[in-house]
Amino acid sequence: MLSESTARLVESAAILGEPEMVHIEGSGEAVPAQRLVAVAVQPIRFGQSDTTFVGCQWELNTLAGILDRSIAGQGCVGKTRLVGEAVQLSMAS
């Protein structure tokens, strides 16, 4: 299950189920989430060229590992924060 914010981040590379309300342990109210149905074989690209992605294999492997753990039910808090920090760093450059 993916939070709304995480679902938005992966919507171009994943097939998601319909939004549904889920209960999170330790939280009093249900929150909207979407089930991760599958990861696209070839991500859908919007306005991007198909250039070779060079020099970031370690980073990509790390992110793939985090996603694999989440899919297996061993998710961790911070994926959205990690992406937000990366965006801020890219904007500062």
Foldseek 3Di string as FASTA:
>chain_A
DAAPLVCVVQVQFFDWADWDWDDDPPDDGTGIDIHTPGTHPDGHDDPDDPDDDPDCPVVVVVVVVQVVCVNVVNHDPCPSVVVVVVVVVVVVD
